[in-house]
């Protein structure tokens, strides 16, 4: 069904805007009038034509971009605030539509509001858009509706999203500097090899004598880079495509995730991030009234590592047979011993939900420590590689000069 963006006036003369789905523009105007709104302008959102005398490229392209986690987290926080302030759910979503800036998210919430008005529950309406709302999101909303604590559930969802965004941002920030150093280093080396070295080659040719091996290697490398520089980006693109295809297969994804867990230092980081996601999600679902098996089914899919996900699935099978979660997690060998012991203590004390949250907090802190260790090793390694490479270039350039001085002497 087409979507229409509207600008309308209320009974008090206030201008409101939003998005509505109808068969045509006339039906959209009638629907607005039925809601005591007086349409001023109604236009189809998916229209790619000229808008206000010029082509709006951003609007067209934004319709096909996926919803960013930060946009959904912000919208969830705003919706929680509105619901907690006493607004009805439909009124809250209607206000939220005007606050949301991301076009696709705005459209999605507009359709969710229409589904609710047609008789669907909030969770049912959200489940129609799996590309926007994760199973965790839908299950927690469903539990919140059933228990009458939707405002609390929305706040908790916002907190989960904010924590995950903060963790992701910390990882990106920690890896940005080494990556920037690597890019700058590669550009400097490319400049030396393609600009400086060829100019030195003319001087060496005038010597009329055999050049040392390091100098010949340097000159041939410079010539190759200057002529066939396009080979390296092409190889990089092919490797990325091949990696993505391999990763898209079940065996390939499992192999990659298993390999990542065995990489020194980085593997420890990957495991801790996966444990943080799993325990945080599981604890939140259990706190909001989702059953253990349903919560395990959802949480295992957000771990981000197939090895941990498979271990969580095996643990869920043991729990379904009547076993304890801590014992089942310990049998897999994929979960850290500390996490297993804390879960066991939580089960025995009857505070499993609280203990799962503590496990997530502990490993969040350890992720930061692991990031610091990783970056502290990467930076000297990059400097070492750069130093060795530049040293080789300097040596290769200086050797013929030393030889020429000896001949003159």
Protein backbone atom coordinates (compact mmCIF):
# COMPACT_ATOMS: atom_id res chain seq x y z
CA UNK A 1 0.00 0.00 0.00
CA UNK A 2 1.43 3.43 -0.94
CA UNK A 3 2.60 5.80 1.76
CA UNK A 4 1.63 9.48 1.82
CA UNK A 5 3.35 12.26 3.69
CA UNK A 6 0.92 14.88 4.91
CA UNK A 7 0.76 18.32 6.43
CA UNK A 8 -2.53 19.08 8.17
CA UNK A 9 -4.23 21.44 10.63
CA UNK A 10 -5.86 20.44 13.91
CA UNK A 11 -9.08 21.90 15.34
CA UNK A 12 -6.99 24.51 17.12
CA UNK A 13 -5.13 25.50 13.95
CA UNK A 14 -1.87 23.75 14.85
CA UNK A 15 0.14 22.33 11.94
CA UNK A 16 1.00 18.63 12.19
CA UNK A 17 2.91 16.40 9.82
CA UNK A 18 3.24 12.65 9.45
CA UNK A 19 2.94 9.63 7.18
CA UNK A 20 -0.16 7.61 6.40
CA UNK A 21 -0.75 4.58 4.17
CA UNK A 22 -3.78 4.48 1.87
CA UNK A 23 -4.76 3.25 -1.58
CA UNK A 24 -4.61 6.75 -3.06
CA UNK A 25 -4.28 10.41 -2.14
CA UNK A 26 -8.04 10.95 -1.94
CA UNK A 27 -8.42 8.08 0.53
CA UNK A 28 -5.54 9.54 2.56
CA UNK A 29 -7.34 12.89 2.78
CA UNK A 30 -10.56 11.19 3.87
CA UNK A 31 -8.72 9.20 6.52
CA UNK A 32 -7.17 12.39 7.88
CA UNK A 33 -10.54 14.13 8.03
CA UNK A 34 -11.90 11.13 9.91
CA UNK A 35 -9.22 11.77 12.52
CA UNK A 36 -10.30 15.41 12.84
CA UNK A 37 -7.33 16.66 10.81
CA UNK A 38 -7.67 19.05 7.88
CA UNK A 39 -5.12 18.18 5.17
CA UNK A 40 -3.12 21.00 3.63
CA UNK A 41 -0.73 18.92 1.56
CA UNK A 42 -0.65 15.18 0.78
CA UNK A 43 2.14 13.68 -1.35
CA UNK A 44 3.31 10.15 -1.99
CA UNK A 45 6.52 9.39 -0.08
CA UNK A 46 7.89 6.98 -2.67
CA UNK A 47 7.72 9.63 -5.36
CA UNK A 48 11.14 10.03 -6.99
CA UNK A 49 10.17 13.02 -9.06
CA UNK A 50 11.14 16.61 -8.61
CA UNK A 51 10.38 18.06 -5.20
CA UNK A 52 10.10 21.85 -4.88
CA UNK A 53 11.76 22.30 -8.26
CA UNK A 54 14.75 20.03 -7.73
CA UNK A 55 15.57 16.35 -7.46
CA UNK A 56 15.72 15.21 -3.85
CA UNK A 57 18.37 12.50 -4.05
CA UNK A 58 18.70 12.03 -0.30
CA UNK A 59 15.02 11.19 0.10
CA UNK A 60 15.11 8.56 -2.65
CA UNK A 61 18.26 6.85 -1.44
CA UNK A 62 17.21 6.98 2.19
CA UNK A 63 14.14 4.87 1.41
CA UNK A 64 16.42 1.94 0.64
CA UNK A 65 18.82 2.26 3.54
CA UNK A 66 18.37 0.10 6.59
CA UNK A 67 17.44 1.51 9.96
CA UNK A 68 20.50 2.38 12.02
CA UNK A 69 20.65 0.98 15.58
CA UNK A 70 21.22 4.46 17.01
CA UNK A 71 18.02 5.74 15.36
CA UNK A 72 15.96 2.84 16.72
CA UNK A 73 17.47 3.23 20.19
CA UNK A 74 16.68 6.95 20.25
CA UNK A 75 13.14 6.30 19.02
CA UNK A 76 12.65 3.65 21.71
CA UNK A 77 13.82 6.04 24.41
CA UNK A 78 11.43 8.73 23.14
CA UNK A 79 8.53 6.26 22.95
CA UNK A 80 9.23 5.08 26.51
CA UNK A 81 9.16 8.69 27.72
CA UNK A 82 5.86 9.37 25.96
CA UNK A 83 4.17 6.21 27.26
CA UNK A 84 5.49 6.85 30.76
CA UNK A 85 4.07 10.39 30.60
CA UNK A 86 0.51 9.09 30.33
CA UNK A 87 -0.01 9.15 26.56
CA UNK A 88 -1.90 6.26 25.02
CA UNK A 89 0.20 3.94 22.86
CA UNK A 90 -1.34 5.17 19.60
CA UNK A 91 -0.93 8.82 20.63
CA UNK A 92 2.66 8.14 21.66
CA UNK A 93 3.50 6.52 18.32
CA UNK A 94 1.74 9.34 16.46
CA UNK A 95 3.90 11.89 18.29
CA UNK A 96 6.99 9.73 17.76
CA UNK A 97 6.42 9.72 13.99
CA UNK A 98 6.81 13.49 14.02
CA UNK A 99 10.03 13.26 16.07
CA UNK A 100 11.76 10.51 14.08
CA UNK A 101 14.07 11.79 11.33
CA UNK A 102 15.06 8.51 9.64
CA UNK A 103 12.61 8.12 6.70
CA UNK A 104 12.34 4.33 6.79
CA UNK A 105 11.83 4.25 10.56
CA UNK A 106 9.22 6.98 10.24
CA UNK A 107 7.38 4.91 7.64
CA UNK A 108 7.63 1.77 9.73
CA UNK A 109 6.18 3.37 12.85
CA UNK A 110 3.39 4.86 10.74
CA UNK A 111 2.44 1.39 9.51
CA UNK A 112 2.75 -0.01 13.05
CA UNK A 113 0.31 2.65 14.28
CA UNK A 114 -2.16 1.77 11.54
CA UNK A 115 -1.91 -1.95 12.43
CA UNK A 116 -2.64 -1.18 16.09
CA UNK A 117 -5.65 0.94 15.12
CA UNK A 118 -6.90 -2.01 13.04
CA UNK A 119 -6.82 -4.26 16.11
CA UNK A 120 -3.33 -5.77 16.22
CA UNK A 121 -1.25 -5.77 19.37
CA UNK A 122 1.93 -3.71 19.48
CA UNK A 123 4.12 -6.82 19.40
CA UNK A 124 2.18 -8.29 16.46
CA UNK A 125 2.58 -5.04 14.54
CA UNK A 126 6.32 -4.94 15.26
CA UNK A 127 6.81 -8.58 14.23
CA UNK A 128 5.73 -7.68 10.69
CA UNK A 129 9.03 -5.80 10.26
CA UNK A 130 11.83 -8.25 11.23
CA UNK A 131 14.37 -6.16 9.35
CA UNK A 132 13.79 -3.29 11.79
CA UNK A 133 12.75 -4.91 15.07
CA UNK A 134 14.79 -7.86 16.33
CA UNK A 135 13.25 -10.93 18.04
CA UNK A 136 14.57 -9.55 21.34
CA UNK A 137 12.65 -6.32 20.78
CA UNK A 138 9.41 -8.07 19.81
CA UNK A 139 9.53 -10.64 22.64
CA UNK A 140 10.18 -8.02 25.30
CA UNK A 141 7.34 -5.83 24.00
CA UNK A 142 5.05 -8.86 24.01
CA UNK A 143 5.98 -9.60 27.63
CA UNK A 144 5.47 -5.94 28.55
CA UNK A 145 2.00 -5.86 27.01
CA UNK A 146 1.03 -9.08 28.78
CA UNK A 147 2.20 -7.83 32.19
CA UNK A 148 1.05 -4.21 31.80
CA UNK A 149 4.60 -2.86 32.12
CA UNK A 150 5.15 -1.66 28.56
CA UNK A 151 6.72 1.62 29.70
CA UNK A 152 9.29 -0.23 31.84
CA UNK A 153 10.04 -2.67 29.02
CA UNK A 154 10.59 0.15 26.53
CA UNK A 155 12.99 1.85 28.93
CA UNK A 156 14.87 -1.40 29.36
CA UNK A 157 15.03 -1.87 25.58
CA UNK A 158 16.44 1.63 25.26
CA UNK A 159 19.04 0.83 27.92
CA UNK A 160 20.05 -2.37 26.11
CA UNK A 161 20.39 -0.49 22.84
CA UNK A 162 22.41 2.29 24.46
CA UNK A 163 24.77 -0.20 26.12
CA UNK A 164 25.31 -2.07 22.87
CA UNK A 165 25.94 1.17 20.99
CA UNK A 166 28.40 2.31 23.67
CA UNK A 167 30.26 -1.00 23.46
CA UNK A 168 30.37 -0.85 19.66
CA UNK A 169 31.60 2.74 19.74
CA UNK A 170 34.35 1.84 22.22
CA UNK A 171 35.53 -0.97 19.95
CA UNK A 172 35.52 1.32 16.92
CA UNK A 173 37.32 4.10 18.79
CA UNK A 174 40.00 1.69 20.00
CA UNK A 175 40.64 0.38 16.48
CA UNK A 176 40.38 3.70 14.63
CA UNK A 177 43.86 4.96 15.54
CA UNK A 178 45.75 1.81 14.47
CA UNK A 179 43.72 1.67 11.27
CA UNK A 180 44.44 5.33 10.55
CA UNK A 181 48.13 4.77 11.17
CA UNK A 182 48.12 1.82 8.77
CA UNK A 183 46.41 3.81 6.01
CA UNK A 184 48.78 6.76 6.39
CA UNK A 185 51.75 4.38 6.42
CA UNK A 186 50.61 2.69 3.21
CA UNK A 187 50.13 6.07 1.49
CA UNK A 188 53.61 7.22 2.54
CA UNK A 189 55.20 4.02 1.27
CA UNK A 190 53.30 4.29 -2.00
CA UNK A 191 54.53 7.88 -2.41
CA UNK A 192 58.12 6.85 -1.74
CA UNK A 193 57.98 3.87 -4.08
CA UNK A 194 56.23 5.56 -7.01
CA UNK A 195 57.53 9.16 -6.82
CA UNK A 196 60.88 9.27 -5.01
CA UNK A 197 62.38 5.92 -6.04
CA UNK A 198 61.83 6.39 -9.83
CA UNK A 199 63.61 9.78 -9.65
CA UNK A 200 66.54 8.15 -7.89
CA UNK A 201 66.64 5.47 -10.58
CA UNK A 202 67.86 8.01 -13.17
CA UNK A 203 70.79 8.94 -10.93
CA UNK A 204 71.72 5.28 -10.45
CA UNK A 205 71.62 4.63 -14.21
CA UNK A 206 74.28 7.32 -14.74
CA UNK A 207 76.69 5.44 -12.51
CA UNK A 208 77.15 2.79 -15.17
CA UNK A 209 77.81 0.00 -12.68
CA UNK A 210 76.00 -2.94 -11.18
CA UNK A 211 73.66 -1.92 -8.40
CA UNK A 212 73.44 -3.75 -5.06
CA UNK A 213 70.68 -6.34 -4.67
CA UNK A 214 68.55 -4.25 -2.22
CA UNK A 215 68.63 -1.33 -4.69
CA UNK A 216 67.57 -3.53 -7.62
CA UNK A 217 64.70 -4.97 -5.57
CA UNK A 218 63.59 -1.46 -4.59
CA UNK A 219 63.69 -0.17 -8.17
CA UNK A 220 61.79 -3.16 -9.57
CA UNK A 221 59.19 -2.83 -6.81
CA UNK A 222 58.75 0.87 -7.56
CA UNK A 223 58.31 0.17 -11.28
CA UNK A 224 55.74 -2.53 -10.56
CA UNK A 225 53.75 -0.33 -8.18
CA UNK A 226 53.78 2.57 -10.60
CA UNK A 227 52.52 0.42 -13.49
CA UNK A 228 50.30 -2.16 -11.83
CA UNK A 229 49.02 -0.26 -8.79
CA UNK A 230 45.44 -1.23 -9.74
CA UNK A 231 46.22 -4.90 -9.06
CA UNK A 232 46.24 -4.39 -5.28
CA UNK A 233 42.76 -2.81 -4.98
CA UNK A 234 41.44 -5.49 -7.34
CA UNK A 235 42.93 -8.28 -5.21
CA UNK A 236 41.52 -6.65 -2.08
CA UNK A 237 38.03 -6.46 -3.60
CA UNK A 238 38.20 -10.10 -4.75
CA UNK A 239 39.33 -11.21 -1.30
CA UNK A 240 36.49 -9.31 0.37
CA UNK A 241 33.91 -10.80 -2.03
CA UNK A 242 35.33 -14.31 -1.55
CA UNK A 243 35.32 -13.84 2.24
CA UNK A 244 31.71 -12.64 2.24
CA UNK A 245 30.58 -15.58 0.13
CA UNK A 246 32.46 -18.05 2.32
CA UNK A 247 31.03 -16.42 5.43
CA UNK A 248 27.49 -16.68 4.04
CA UNK A 249 27.69 -20.50 4.05
CA UNK A 250 26.97 -22.37 7.34
CA UNK A 251 30.31 -24.19 7.30
CA UNK A 252 32.20 -21.04 6.38
CA UNK A 253 30.59 -18.95 9.12
CA UNK A 254 31.30 -21.63 11.72
CA UNK A 255 34.92 -21.96 10.56
CA UNK A 256 35.49 -18.20 10.73
CA UNK A 257 33.88 -17.84 14.17
CA UNK A 258 35.89 -20.80 15.48
CA UNK A 259 39.09 -19.32 14.06
CA UNK A 260 38.38 -15.91 15.60
CA UNK A 261 38.05 -17.48 19.06
CA UNK A 262 41.54 -19.00 18.74
CA UNK A 263 43.31 -15.81 17.63
CA UNK A 264 45.60 -14.63 20.47
CA UNK A 265 44.16 -11.67 22.43
CA UNK A 266 41.56 -10.93 19.72
CA UNK A 267 39.89 -14.29 20.37
CA UNK A 268 39.51 -13.42 24.04
CA UNK A 269 37.88 -10.14 23.03
CA UNK A 270 35.46 -11.86 20.64
CA UNK A 271 34.43 -14.33 23.34
CA UNK A 272 33.82 -11.63 25.93
CA UNK A 273 31.73 -9.54 23.54
CA UNK A 274 29.59 -12.57 22.68
CA UNK A 275 29.14 -13.50 26.36
CA UNK A 276 28.18 -9.89 27.16
CA UNK A 277 25.50 -9.84 24.47
CA UNK A 278 24.12 -13.26 25.43
CA UNK A 279 23.91 -12.69 29.18
CA UNK A 280 22.61 -9.11 28.86
CA UNK A 281 19.83 -10.19 26.50
CA UNK A 282 18.93 -13.31 28.46
CA UNK A 283 18.80 -11.42 31.75
CA UNK A 284 16.61 -8.67 30.28
CA UNK A 285 14.17 -11.14 28.75
CA UNK A 286 13.85 -13.14 31.97
CA UNK A 287 13.39 -9.95 34.00
CA UNK A 288 10.49 -8.94 31.78
CA UNK A 289 8.61 -12.20 32.17
CA UNK A 290 9.73 -14.16 29.10
CA UNK A 291 10.01 -17.89 29.80
CA UNK A 292 13.46 -19.46 30.07
CA UNK A 293 13.25 -21.52 26.86
CA UNK A 294 11.84 -18.65 24.81
CA UNK A 295 14.48 -16.29 26.24
CA UNK A 296 17.27 -18.78 25.47
CA UNK A 297 15.98 -19.17 21.92
CA UNK A 298 16.16 -15.41 21.37
CA UNK A 299 19.41 -14.75 23.28
CA UNK A 300 21.41 -17.41 21.45
CA UNK A 301 20.78 -15.58 18.16
CA UNK A 302 22.25 -12.27 19.34
CA UNK A 303 25.57 -13.62 20.65
CA UNK A 304 27.28 -12.76 17.37
CA UNK A 305 29.41 -15.93 17.31
CA UNK A 306 28.17 -19.29 16.06
CA UNK A 307 30.31 -21.27 18.50
CA UNK A 308 28.70 -19.47 21.46
CA UNK A 309 25.28 -19.66 19.79
CA UNK A 310 25.58 -23.43 19.32
CA UNK A 311 26.72 -23.80 22.92
CA UNK A 312 23.73 -21.76 24.08
CA UNK A 313 21.39 -23.92 21.97
CA UNK A 314 22.86 -27.06 23.54
CA UNK A 315 22.41 -25.51 26.99
CA UNK A 316 18.78 -24.71 26.16
CA UNK A 317 18.20 -28.38 25.24
CA UNK A 318 19.59 -29.44 28.62
CA UNK A 319 17.39 -26.91 30.42
CA UNK A 320 14.35 -28.20 28.53
CA UNK A 321 15.15 -31.69 29.84
CA UNK A 322 15.17 -30.37 33.39
CA UNK A 323 18.84 -29.48 33.82
CA UNK A 324 20.28 -26.31 35.31
CA UNK A 325 21.49 -23.48 33.09
CA UNK A 326 24.87 -23.13 34.81
CA UNK A 327 25.67 -26.83 34.51
CA UNK A 328 24.59 -26.86 30.87
CA UNK A 329 26.77 -23.84 30.06
CA UNK A 330 29.75 -25.46 31.80
CA UNK A 331 29.40 -28.68 29.78
CA UNK A 332 29.83 -26.87 26.48
CA UNK A 333 33.25 -25.46 27.32
CA UNK A 334 32.54 -22.39 25.19
CA UNK A 335 31.64 -20.10 28.08
CA UNK A 336 34.29 -18.64 30.44
CA UNK A 337 34.51 -20.36 33.84
CA UNK A 338 33.71 -17.13 35.70
CA UNK A 339 30.46 -16.67 33.77
CA UNK A 340 29.46 -20.28 34.44
CA UNK A 341 30.17 -20.00 38.17
CA UNK A 342 28.24 -16.72 38.46
CA UNK A 343 25.22 -18.23 36.70
CA UNK A 344 25.34 -21.22 39.05
CA UNK A 345 25.38 -18.89 42.06
CA UNK A 346 22.47 -16.93 40.60
CA UNK A 347 20.40 -20.08 40.14
CA UNK A 348 21.06 -21.31 43.68
CA UNK A 349 20.27 -17.93 45.22
CA UNK A 350 17.15 -17.40 43.11
CA UNK A 351 18.59 -14.22 41.55
CA UNK A 352 19.48 -15.51 38.09
CA UNK A 353 18.25 -12.42 36.25
CA UNK A 354 20.29 -10.11 38.45
CA UNK A 355 23.37 -12.31 38.18
CA UNK A 356 23.16 -12.43 34.37
CA UNK A 357 23.22 -8.63 34.38
CA UNK A 358 26.30 -8.69 36.61
CA UNK A 359 28.02 -11.14 34.27
CA UNK A 360 27.38 -8.74 31.39
CA UNK A 361 28.77 -5.83 33.43
CA UNK A 362 31.90 -7.80 34.35
CA UNK A 363 32.67 -8.78 30.78
CA UNK A 364 31.88 -5.32 29.46
CA UNK A 365 34.65 -4.04 31.70
CA UNK A 366 36.97 -6.81 30.57
CA UNK A 367 36.23 -5.97 26.94
CA UNK A 368 37.62 -2.48 27.55
CA UNK A 369 40.76 -3.97 29.15
CA UNK A 370 41.18 -6.38 26.23
CA UNK A 371 40.80 -3.50 23.77
CA UNK A 372 43.54 -1.58 25.53
CA UNK A 373 45.82 -4.63 25.41
CA UNK A 374 45.05 -5.19 21.74
CA UNK A 375 45.73 -1.60 20.72
CA UNK A 376 48.88 -1.47 22.87
CA UNK A 377 50.23 -4.38 20.79
CA UNK A 378 49.00 -3.23 17.38
CA UNK A 379 50.49 0.28 17.54
CA UNK A 380 54.12 -0.80 18.21
CA UNK A 381 53.74 -3.53 15.58
CA UNK A 382 52.67 -0.98 12.96
CA UNK A 383 55.55 1.30 13.92
CA UNK A 384 57.97 -1.64 13.70
CA UNK A 385 56.76 -2.65 10.23
CA UNK A 386 56.94 0.95 9.03
CA UNK A 387 60.41 1.38 10.48
CA UNK A 388 61.74 -1.79 8.86
CA UNK A 389 60.24 -0.85 5.48
CA UNK A 390 61.51 2.73 5.52
CA UNK A 391 64.89 1.48 6.74
CA UNK A 392 65.11 -0.89 3.78
CA UNK A 393 64.27 1.96 1.37
CA UNK A 394 66.92 4.21 2.92
CA UNK A 395 69.50 1.39 2.81
CA UNK A 396 68.71 0.58 -0.82
CA UNK A 397 69.10 4.25 -1.79
CA UNK A 398 72.28 4.82 0.22
CA UNK A 399 74.22 1.69 -0.84
CA UNK A 400 74.91 2.90 -4.43
CA UNK A 401 75.91 6.31 -3.06
CA UNK A 402 78.44 4.69 -0.71
CA UNK A 403 79.76 2.61 -3.60
CA UNK A 404 80.15 5.73 -5.76
CA UNK A 405 82.06 7.54 -2.98
CA UNK A 406 84.43 4.60 -2.68
CA UNK A 407 85.13 4.68 -6.42
CA UNK A 408 85.77 8.42 -6.36
CA UNK A 409 88.01 8.05 -3.32
